């Protein structure tokens, strides 16, 4: 298990069991020391159980970003009830560290297997990670991202793409 995935797991378990936020490990590895957006996904029996993240860094480093987002994925994802202690042994984690988003000039620059997308219209933003099961076309990726943001399908949007390093 990669160190970032282990950090996400420890963060959730300590918070669910003891309502305590762990500290970042010392010293920080190269992967944990930088600043980046991070998404933490939690699955139970191969079904999504929580996913929360930041597309731009909000914490001092990737380690702290991972800790905060892991706890949020377990307790704050509005699609799910908070994780219970009796579920902890059944959970599987992945951590996606995002590259800085870059504006796509044309949809030909998108690839749902390689790039995640952020769609924006006014103050509304929707994000979809890359390489998701069942999302095989750019059109489907953009449709889901717009839906998440509450943006009408025919509404014009700015589209940004980003890559991830996915740790499992």
N, C-alpha and C. Protein backbone atom coordinates (compact mmCIF):
# COMPACT_ATOMS: atom_id res chain seq x y z
N UNK A 1 0.86 -1.19 0.00
CA UNK A 1 0.00 0.00 0.00
C UNK A 1 0.89 1.24 0.00
N UNK A 2 0.62 2.17 -0.89
CA UNK A 2 1.40 3.40 -1.00
C UNK A 2 1.25 4.24 0.27
N UNK A 3 2.27 5.00 0.60
CA UNK A 3 2.27 5.80 1.84
C UNK A 3 1.11 6.80 1.90
N UNK A 4 0.71 7.38 0.76
CA UNK A 4 -0.42 8.31 0.78
C UNK A 4 -1.74 7.59 1.06
N UNK A 5 -1.87 6.39 0.54
CA UNK A 5 -3.08 5.59 0.80
C UNK A 5 -3.11 5.18 2.27
N UNK A 6 -1.97 4.78 2.78
CA UNK A 6 -1.88 4.41 4.20
C UNK A 6 -2.20 5.62 5.09
N UNK A 7 -1.75 6.80 4.69
CA UNK A 7 -2.05 8.02 5.44
C UNK A 7 -3.55 8.30 5.43
N UNK A 8 -4.19 8.12 4.29
CA UNK A 8 -5.65 8.32 4.21
C UNK A 8 -6.36 7.33 5.13
N UNK A 9 -5.96 6.06 5.08
CA UNK A 9 -6.58 5.04 5.92
C UNK A 9 -6.42 5.36 7.40
N UNK A 10 -5.20 5.68 7.81
CA UNK A 10 -4.94 6.01 9.23
C UNK A 10 -5.74 7.23 9.66
N UNK A 11 -5.85 8.22 8.78
CA UNK A 11 -6.60 9.45 9.09
C UNK A 11 -8.06 9.13 9.39
N UNK A 12 -8.67 8.33 8.51
CA UNK A 12 -10.08 7.98 8.68
C UNK A 12 -10.26 7.14 9.95
N UNK A 13 -9.44 6.13 10.12
CA UNK A 13 -9.61 5.24 11.27
C UNK A 13 -9.45 5.98 12.59
N UNK A 14 -8.45 6.85 12.68
CA UNK A 14 -8.24 7.60 13.93
C UNK A 14 -9.40 8.56 14.18
N UNK A 15 -9.89 9.19 13.12
CA UNK A 15 -10.99 10.14 13.30
C UNK A 15 -12.29 9.42 13.67
N UNK A 16 -12.59 8.33 13.00
CA UNK A 16 -13.84 7.61 13.29
C UNK A 16 -13.79 6.99 14.69
N UNK A 17 -12.66 6.43 15.06
CA UNK A 17 -12.56 5.76 16.37
C UNK A 17 -12.44 6.75 17.53
N UNK A 18 -11.64 7.82 17.34
CA UNK A 18 -11.28 8.70 18.47
C UNK A 18 -11.59 10.17 18.27
N UNK A 19 -12.19 10.53 17.11
CA UNK A 19 -12.49 11.93 16.79
C UNK A 19 -11.23 12.80 16.89
N UNK A 20 -10.11 12.23 16.47
CA UNK A 20 -8.83 12.93 16.52
C UNK A 20 -8.23 13.00 15.12
N UNK A 21 -7.69 14.17 14.77
CA UNK A 21 -7.02 14.36 13.49
C UNK A 21 -5.53 14.09 13.69
N UNK A 22 -5.00 13.16 12.90
CA UNK A 22 -3.58 12.82 13.04
C UNK A 22 -2.71 13.92 12.44
N UNK A 23 -1.45 13.91 12.82
CA UNK A 23 -0.46 14.84 12.26
C UNK A 23 0.19 14.21 11.04
N UNK A 24 0.71 15.05 10.16
CA UNK A 24 1.44 14.56 9.00
C UNK A 24 2.71 13.85 9.48
N UNK A 25 3.13 12.82 8.76
CA UNK A 25 4.34 12.11 9.16
C UNK A 25 5.57 13.00 9.03
N UNK A 26 6.58 12.70 9.82
CA UNK A 26 7.85 13.42 9.75
C UNK A 26 8.96 12.41 9.52
N UNK A 27 9.90 12.67 8.67
CA UNK A 27 9.90 13.74 7.67
C UNK A 27 8.94 13.39 6.53
N UNK A 28 8.54 14.40 5.78
CA UNK A 28 7.65 14.19 4.65
C UNK A 28 8.42 13.62 3.46
N UNK A 29 7.83 12.63 2.80
CA UNK A 29 8.42 12.13 1.56
C UNK A 29 8.28 13.21 0.49
N UNK A 30 8.99 13.02 -0.61
CA UNK A 30 8.92 13.97 -1.73
C UNK A 30 7.48 14.13 -2.21
N UNK A 31 6.74 13.02 -2.31
CA UNK A 31 5.36 13.07 -2.81
C UNK A 31 4.43 13.81 -1.87
N UNK A 32 4.75 13.82 -0.59
CA UNK A 32 3.88 14.46 0.41
C UNK A 32 4.24 15.91 0.68
N UNK A 33 5.43 16.32 0.30
CA UNK A 33 5.93 17.65 0.68
C UNK A 33 5.41 18.78 -0.20
N UNK A 34 5.07 18.50 -1.44
CA UNK A 34 4.63 19.54 -2.35
C UNK A 34 3.22 20.02 -2.04
N UNK A 35 2.74 20.97 -2.83
CA UNK A 35 1.37 21.47 -2.71
C UNK A 35 0.62 21.07 -3.97
N UNK A 36 -0.59 20.51 -3.79
CA UNK A 36 -1.41 20.10 -4.93
C UNK A 36 -2.82 19.83 -4.43
N UNK A 37 -3.76 19.87 -5.36
CA UNK A 37 -5.10 19.41 -5.06
C UNK A 37 -5.06 17.89 -4.86
N UNK A 38 -5.92 17.39 -3.98
CA UNK A 38 -5.94 15.96 -3.67
C UNK A 38 -7.39 15.50 -3.54
N UNK A 39 -7.70 14.36 -4.15
CA UNK A 39 -9.00 13.71 -3.95
C UNK A 39 -8.76 12.38 -3.27
N UNK A 40 -9.58 12.09 -2.28
CA UNK A 40 -9.55 10.79 -1.62
C UNK A 40 -10.87 10.09 -1.91
N UNK A 41 -10.78 8.89 -2.45
CA UNK A 41 -11.96 8.06 -2.74
C UNK A 41 -11.95 6.86 -1.80
N UNK A 42 -13.13 6.55 -1.29
CA UNK A 42 -13.29 5.41 -0.40
C UNK A 42 -14.34 4.49 -1.01
N UNK A 43 -14.00 3.22 -1.13
CA UNK A 43 -14.95 2.23 -1.64
C UNK A 43 -15.16 1.15 -0.60
N UNK A 44 -16.37 0.60 -0.63
CA UNK A 44 -16.73 -0.53 0.22
C UNK A 44 -17.36 -1.57 -0.70
N UNK A 45 -16.79 -2.76 -0.75
CA UNK A 45 -17.26 -3.82 -1.64
C UNK A 45 -17.37 -3.32 -3.08
N UNK A 46 -16.35 -2.58 -3.50
CA UNK A 46 -16.20 -2.05 -4.87
C UNK A 46 -17.19 -0.95 -5.23
N UNK A 47 -17.99 -0.51 -4.26
CA UNK A 47 -18.96 0.57 -4.48
C UNK A 47 -18.44 1.84 -3.80
N UNK A 48 -18.62 2.99 -4.46
CA UNK A 48 -18.19 4.24 -3.88
C UNK A 48 -18.86 4.45 -2.52
N UNK A 49 -18.07 4.83 -1.53
CA UNK A 49 -18.57 5.07 -0.17
C UNK A 49 -18.36 6.52 0.25
N UNK A 50 -17.48 7.22 -0.48
CA UNK A 50 -17.21 8.63 -0.23
C UNK A 50 -16.08 9.11 -1.12
N UNK A 51 -16.17 10.36 -1.54
CA UNK A 51 -15.11 10.95 -2.36
C UNK A 51 -15.19 12.46 -2.19
N UNK A 52 -14.12 13.01 -1.67
CA UNK A 52 -14.04 14.47 -1.45
C UNK A 52 -12.62 14.89 -1.83
N UNK A 53 -12.51 16.09 -2.38
CA UNK A 53 -11.19 16.57 -2.70
C UNK A 53 -11.16 18.05 -3.01
N UNK A 54 -9.97 18.49 -3.32
CA UNK A 54 -9.71 19.88 -3.66
C UNK A 54 -8.97 19.90 -4.99
N UNK A 55 -9.41 20.76 -5.92
CA UNK A 55 -8.73 20.78 -7.21
C UNK A 55 -7.53 21.72 -7.20
N UNK A 56 -7.47 22.60 -6.21
CA UNK A 56 -6.29 23.44 -5.98
C UNK A 56 -5.89 23.24 -4.53
N UNK A 57 -4.60 23.38 -4.22
CA UNK A 57 -4.17 23.14 -2.84
C UNK A 57 -4.79 24.12 -1.85
N UNK A 58 -5.21 23.60 -0.71
CA UNK A 58 -5.79 24.42 0.37
C UNK A 58 -4.98 24.27 1.65
N UNK A 59 -4.05 23.33 1.69
CA UNK A 59 -3.26 23.06 2.89
C UNK A 59 -1.78 23.28 2.57
N UNK A 60 -0.96 23.20 3.60
CA UNK A 60 0.46 23.52 3.43
C UNK A 60 1.23 22.47 2.64
N UNK A 61 0.69 21.24 2.52
CA UNK A 61 1.37 20.21 1.74
C UNK A 61 0.38 19.09 1.41
N UNK A 62 0.82 18.18 0.55
CA UNK A 62 -0.04 17.07 0.10
C UNK A 62 -0.43 16.17 1.27
N UNK A 63 0.45 16.00 2.24
CA UNK A 63 0.12 15.14 3.39
C UNK A 63 -1.08 15.70 4.15
N UNK A 64 -1.05 16.98 4.50
CA UNK A 64 -2.16 17.59 5.25
C UNK A 64 -3.42 17.62 4.39
N UNK A 65 -3.26 17.89 3.09
CA UNK A 65 -4.41 17.88 2.16
C UNK A 65 -5.06 16.50 2.16
N UNK A 66 -4.24 15.46 2.16
CA UNK A 66 -4.74 14.08 2.17
C UNK A 66 -5.48 13.77 3.47
N UNK A 67 -4.91 14.16 4.59
CA UNK A 67 -5.54 13.91 5.89
C UNK A 67 -6.92 14.57 5.94
N UNK A 68 -6.98 15.84 5.59
CA UNK A 68 -8.25 16.58 5.65
C UNK A 68 -9.29 15.99 4.70
N UNK A 69 -8.87 15.68 3.47
CA UNK A 69 -9.82 15.19 2.48
C UNK A 69 -10.25 13.76 2.75
N UNK A 70 -9.39 12.96 3.35
CA UNK A 70 -9.78 11.59 3.73
C UNK A 70 -10.88 11.63 4.79
N UNK A 71 -10.70 12.46 5.79
CA UNK A 71 -11.71 12.59 6.85
C UNK A 71 -13.02 13.13 6.26
N UNK A 72 -12.92 14.12 5.39
CA UNK A 72 -14.13 14.66 4.74
C UNK A 72 -14.82 13.62 3.88
N UNK A 73 -14.05 12.82 3.14
CA UNK A 73 -14.65 11.78 2.30
C UNK A 73 -15.42 10.78 3.16
N UNK A 74 -14.92 10.50 4.35
CA UNK A 74 -15.56 9.52 5.24
C UNK A 74 -16.75 10.10 6.00
N UNK A 75 -16.77 11.42 6.18
CA UNK A 75 -17.78 12.01 7.09
C UNK A 75 -18.64 13.10 6.48
N UNK A 76 -18.23 13.69 5.34
CA UNK A 76 -18.91 14.88 4.82
C UNK A 76 -19.48 14.74 3.41
N UNK A 77 -19.26 13.61 2.75
CA UNK A 77 -19.79 13.47 1.39
C UNK A 77 -21.32 13.44 1.50
N UNK A 78 -22.00 14.43 0.90
CA UNK A 78 -23.45 14.52 1.08
C UNK A 78 -24.23 13.37 0.45
N UNK A 79 -23.60 12.58 -0.37
CA UNK A 79 -24.28 11.45 -1.01
C UNK A 79 -24.41 10.24 -0.09
N UNK A 80 -23.67 10.24 1.03
CA UNK A 80 -23.58 9.06 1.88
C UNK A 80 -23.68 9.43 3.35
N UNK A 81 -24.13 8.48 4.15
CA UNK A 81 -24.04 8.62 5.61
C UNK A 81 -22.57 8.56 6.00
N UNK A 82 -22.20 9.19 7.13
CA UNK A 82 -20.80 9.08 7.58
C UNK A 82 -20.40 7.62 7.82
N UNK A 83 -19.14 7.33 7.57
CA UNK A 83 -18.60 5.99 7.80
C UNK A 83 -18.73 5.65 9.29
N UNK A 84 -19.11 4.40 9.55
CA UNK A 84 -19.21 3.91 10.93
C UNK A 84 -17.99 3.05 11.27
N UNK A 85 -17.70 2.94 12.55
CA UNK A 85 -16.54 2.17 12.98
C UNK A 85 -16.61 0.73 12.51
N UNK A 86 -17.80 0.13 12.48
CA UNK A 86 -17.91 -1.27 12.07
C UNK A 86 -17.66 -1.49 10.57
N UNK A 87 -17.50 -0.42 9.80
CA UNK A 87 -17.21 -0.53 8.37
C UNK A 87 -15.72 -0.44 8.05
N UNK A 88 -14.91 0.01 8.99
CA UNK A 88 -13.53 0.38 8.70
C UNK A 88 -12.73 -0.75 8.03
N UNK A 89 -12.93 -1.98 8.45
CA UNK A 89 -12.16 -3.09 7.87
C UNK A 89 -12.55 -3.41 6.44
N UNK A 90 -13.69 -2.90 5.97
CA UNK A 90 -14.18 -3.19 4.63
C UNK A 90 -13.84 -2.09 3.62
N UNK A 91 -13.14 -1.04 4.05
CA UNK A 91 -12.91 0.11 3.19
C UNK A 91 -11.60 0.00 2.41
N UNK A 92 -11.66 0.47 1.16
CA UNK A 92 -10.48 0.52 0.30
C UNK A 92 -10.33 1.97 -0.15
N UNK A 93 -9.11 2.47 -0.12
CA UNK A 93 -8.83 3.88 -0.36
C UNK A 93 -8.01 4.06 -1.63
N UNK A 94 -8.23 5.20 -2.30
CA UNK A 94 -7.31 5.66 -3.34
C UNK A 94 -7.13 7.16 -3.17
N UNK A 95 -5.95 7.62 -3.53
CA UNK A 95 -5.60 9.04 -3.39
C UNK A 95 -5.14 9.53 -4.76
N UNK A 96 -5.79 10.59 -5.25
CA UNK A 96 -5.41 11.20 -6.52
C UNK A 96 -4.79 12.57 -6.24
N UNK A 97 -3.54 12.74 -6.68
CA UNK A 97 -2.86 14.03 -6.55
C UNK A 97 -2.94 14.69 -7.92
N UNK A 98 -3.53 15.90 -7.96
CA UNK A 98 -3.85 16.56 -9.23
C UNK A 98 -2.73 17.49 -9.68
N UNK A 99 -2.54 17.53 -11.00
CA UNK A 99 -1.67 18.54 -11.59
C UNK A 99 -2.46 19.86 -11.61
N UNK A 100 -1.78 20.99 -11.75
CA UNK A 100 -2.53 22.25 -11.88
C UNK A 100 -3.42 22.21 -13.13
N UNK A 101 -4.67 22.69 -13.02
CA UNK A 101 -5.56 22.68 -14.19
C UNK A 101 -5.08 23.63 -15.28
N UNK A 102 -5.31 23.23 -16.53
CA UNK A 102 -4.99 24.10 -17.67
C UNK A 102 -6.22 24.18 -18.56
N UNK A 103 -6.47 25.38 -19.08
CA UNK A 103 -7.66 25.58 -19.91
C UNK A 103 -7.53 24.81 -21.22
N UNK A 104 -8.59 24.09 -21.56
CA UNK A 104 -8.62 23.36 -22.83
C UNK A 104 -9.18 24.31 -23.89
N UNK A 105 -8.48 24.44 -25.00
CA UNK A 105 -8.93 25.32 -26.08
C UNK A 105 -10.04 24.65 -26.89
N UNK A 106 -10.03 23.31 -26.91
CA UNK A 106 -10.95 22.56 -27.74
C UNK A 106 -11.14 21.18 -27.12
N UNK A 107 -12.30 20.55 -27.35
CA UNK A 107 -12.51 19.23 -26.74
C UNK A 107 -11.57 18.17 -27.31
N UNK A 108 -10.94 18.46 -28.44
CA UNK A 108 -9.96 17.50 -28.98
C UNK A 108 -8.75 17.35 -28.05
N UNK A 109 -8.57 18.30 -27.12
CA UNK A 109 -7.47 18.22 -26.16
C UNK A 109 -7.83 17.38 -24.93
N UNK A 110 -9.05 16.85 -24.90
CA UNK A 110 -9.51 16.07 -23.76
C UNK A 110 -9.44 14.57 -24.05
N UNK A 111 -9.29 13.79 -23.00
CA UNK A 111 -9.28 12.34 -23.08
C UNK A 111 -9.70 11.83 -21.71
N UNK A 112 -10.91 11.24 -21.59
CA UNK A 112 -11.42 10.87 -20.26
C UNK A 112 -10.59 9.81 -19.54
N UNK A 113 -9.73 9.10 -20.26
CA UNK A 113 -8.85 8.12 -19.61
C UNK A 113 -7.61 8.79 -19.03
N UNK A 114 -7.16 9.87 -19.66
CA UNK A 114 -5.91 10.54 -19.25
C UNK A 114 -6.16 11.78 -18.40
N UNK A 115 -7.19 12.58 -18.75
CA UNK A 115 -7.42 13.87 -18.09
C UNK A 115 -8.74 13.89 -17.33
N UNK A 116 -8.71 14.50 -16.16
CA UNK A 116 -9.94 14.91 -15.50
C UNK A 116 -10.35 16.24 -16.06
N UNK A 117 -11.60 16.65 -15.77
CA UNK A 117 -12.09 17.93 -16.27
C UNK A 117 -12.73 18.73 -15.15
N UNK A 118 -12.63 20.05 -15.32
CA UNK A 118 -13.36 21.00 -14.49
C UNK A 118 -14.15 21.86 -15.47
N UNK A 119 -15.45 21.95 -15.27
CA UNK A 119 -16.28 22.83 -16.09
C UNK A 119 -16.74 23.98 -15.20
N UNK A 120 -16.74 25.19 -15.74
CA UNK A 120 -17.16 26.36 -14.98
C UNK A 120 -18.11 27.21 -15.79
N UNK A 121 -19.10 27.75 -15.10
CA UNK A 121 -20.02 28.72 -15.67
C UNK A 121 -20.40 29.66 -14.53
N UNK A 122 -19.91 30.89 -14.61
CA UNK A 122 -20.12 31.81 -13.49
C UNK A 122 -19.43 31.26 -12.25
N UNK A 123 -20.18 31.18 -11.15
CA UNK A 123 -19.60 30.68 -9.89
C UNK A 123 -19.77 29.17 -9.75
N UNK A 124 -20.43 28.52 -10.72
CA UNK A 124 -20.66 27.07 -10.64
C UNK A 124 -19.48 26.31 -11.25
N UNK A 125 -19.04 25.27 -10.53
CA UNK A 125 -17.92 24.44 -10.98
C UNK A 125 -18.26 22.99 -10.76
N UNK A 126 -17.90 22.16 -11.73
CA UNK A 126 -18.04 20.72 -11.59
C UNK A 126 -16.75 20.06 -12.00
N UNK A 127 -16.36 19.04 -11.25
CA UNK A 127 -15.10 18.34 -11.51
C UNK A 127 -15.39 16.86 -11.66
N UNK A 128 -14.69 16.23 -12.58
CA UNK A 128 -14.75 14.79 -12.72
C UNK A 128 -13.33 14.27 -12.91
N UNK A 129 -12.96 13.30 -12.08
CA UNK A 129 -11.64 12.69 -12.16
C UNK A 129 -11.50 11.88 -13.45
N UNK A 130 -10.27 11.63 -13.90
CA UNK A 130 -10.09 10.81 -15.11
C UNK A 130 -10.19 9.32 -14.81
N UNK A 131 -10.31 8.56 -15.87
CA UNK A 131 -10.21 7.10 -15.84
C UNK A 131 -11.20 6.47 -14.86
N UNK A 132 -12.46 6.92 -14.97
CA UNK A 132 -13.53 6.37 -14.13
C UNK A 132 -14.27 5.28 -14.89
N UNK A 133 -14.63 4.23 -14.21
CA UNK A 133 -15.37 3.13 -14.80
C UNK A 133 -16.69 3.64 -15.39
N UNK A 134 -16.95 3.30 -16.64
CA UNK A 134 -18.20 3.70 -17.29
C UNK A 134 -18.16 5.06 -17.96
N UNK A 135 -17.07 5.80 -17.82
CA UNK A 135 -16.94 7.11 -18.47
C UNK A 135 -15.89 6.96 -19.57
N UNK A 136 -16.38 6.72 -20.79
CA UNK A 136 -15.48 6.36 -21.88
C UNK A 136 -15.35 7.43 -22.96
N UNK A 137 -16.23 8.45 -22.93
CA UNK A 137 -16.16 9.48 -23.97
C UNK A 137 -16.05 10.86 -23.32
N UNK A 138 -15.50 11.79 -24.09
CA UNK A 138 -15.40 13.19 -23.64
C UNK A 138 -16.80 13.74 -23.37
N UNK A 139 -17.74 13.42 -24.24
CA UNK A 139 -19.10 13.94 -24.08
C UNK A 139 -19.73 13.48 -22.76
N UNK A 140 -19.54 12.21 -22.42
CA UNK A 140 -20.08 11.68 -21.16
C UNK A 140 -19.39 12.34 -19.97
N UNK A 141 -18.09 12.52 -20.06
CA UNK A 141 -17.33 13.16 -18.98
C UNK A 141 -17.82 14.59 -18.75
N UNK A 142 -18.02 15.34 -19.82
CA UNK A 142 -18.49 16.72 -19.69
C UNK A 142 -19.93 16.77 -19.19
N UNK A 143 -20.76 15.84 -19.65
CA UNK A 143 -22.16 15.80 -19.20
C UNK A 143 -22.22 15.58 -17.69
N UNK A 144 -21.45 14.64 -17.18
CA UNK A 144 -21.47 14.35 -15.74
C UNK A 144 -20.93 15.53 -14.95
N UNK A 145 -19.84 16.13 -15.42
CA UNK A 145 -19.26 17.28 -14.72
C UNK A 145 -20.25 18.45 -14.68
N UNK A 146 -20.95 18.70 -15.79
CA UNK A 146 -21.96 19.77 -15.82
C UNK A 146 -23.10 19.46 -14.84
N UNK A 147 -23.55 18.21 -14.84
CA UNK A 147 -24.63 17.81 -13.95
C UNK A 147 -24.24 18.03 -12.48
N UNK A 148 -23.01 17.67 -12.14
CA UNK A 148 -22.54 17.85 -10.77
C UNK A 148 -22.55 19.32 -10.35
N UNK A 149 -22.33 20.21 -11.33
CA UNK A 149 -22.27 21.65 -11.05
C UNK A 149 -23.63 22.33 -11.15
N UNK A 150 -24.64 21.60 -11.59
CA UNK A 150 -25.95 22.22 -11.80
C UNK A 150 -25.96 23.10 -13.03
N UNK A 151 -25.16 22.76 -14.02
CA UNK A 151 -25.07 23.52 -15.27
C UNK A 151 -25.89 22.77 -16.33
N UNK A 152 -26.72 23.51 -17.05
CA UNK A 152 -27.54 22.91 -18.10
C UNK A 152 -26.63 22.31 -19.18
N UNK A 153 -27.07 21.22 -19.79
CA UNK A 153 -26.24 20.52 -20.76
C UNK A 153 -25.89 21.37 -21.97
N UNK A 154 -26.79 22.28 -22.39
CA UNK A 154 -26.51 23.10 -23.57
C UNK A 154 -25.84 24.43 -23.22
N UNK A 155 -25.56 24.65 -21.94
CA UNK A 155 -24.94 25.91 -21.50
C UNK A 155 -23.45 25.91 -21.85
N UNK A 156 -22.95 27.06 -22.30
CA UNK A 156 -21.52 27.19 -22.59
C UNK A 156 -20.73 27.20 -21.30
N UNK A 157 -19.60 26.53 -21.33
CA UNK A 157 -18.74 26.45 -20.14
C UNK A 157 -17.29 26.64 -20.54
N UNK A 158 -16.49 27.04 -19.57
CA UNK A 158 -15.04 26.96 -19.73
C UNK A 158 -14.64 25.58 -19.24
N UNK A 159 -13.72 24.95 -19.95
CA UNK A 159 -13.29 23.60 -19.60
C UNK A 159 -11.79 23.62 -19.31
N UNK A 160 -11.44 23.04 -18.19
CA UNK A 160 -10.04 22.90 -17.79
C UNK A 160 -9.75 21.41 -17.67
N UNK A 161 -8.53 21.04 -17.99
CA UNK A 161 -8.14 19.64 -17.84
C UNK A 161 -6.99 19.55 -16.85
N UNK A 162 -6.87 18.36 -16.27
CA UNK A 162 -5.77 18.11 -15.35
C UNK A 162 -5.46 16.62 -15.38
N UNK A 163 -4.25 16.29 -14.97
CA UNK A 163 -3.85 14.90 -14.84
C UNK A 163 -3.79 14.55 -13.36
N UNK A 164 -3.79 13.26 -13.07
CA UNK A 164 -3.65 12.83 -11.68
C UNK A 164 -2.57 11.75 -11.59
N UNK A 165 -1.97 11.71 -10.43
CA UNK A 165 -1.19 10.54 -10.03
C UNK A 165 -2.10 9.80 -9.05
N UNK A 166 -2.55 8.62 -9.44
CA UNK A 166 -3.48 7.85 -8.61
C UNK A 166 -2.70 6.80 -7.82
N UNK A 167 -2.89 6.86 -6.53
CA UNK A 167 -2.24 5.91 -5.62
C UNK A 167 -3.30 4.99 -5.03
N UNK A 168 -3.05 3.68 -5.09
CA UNK A 168 -4.01 2.71 -4.57
C UNK A 168 -3.34 1.77 -3.57
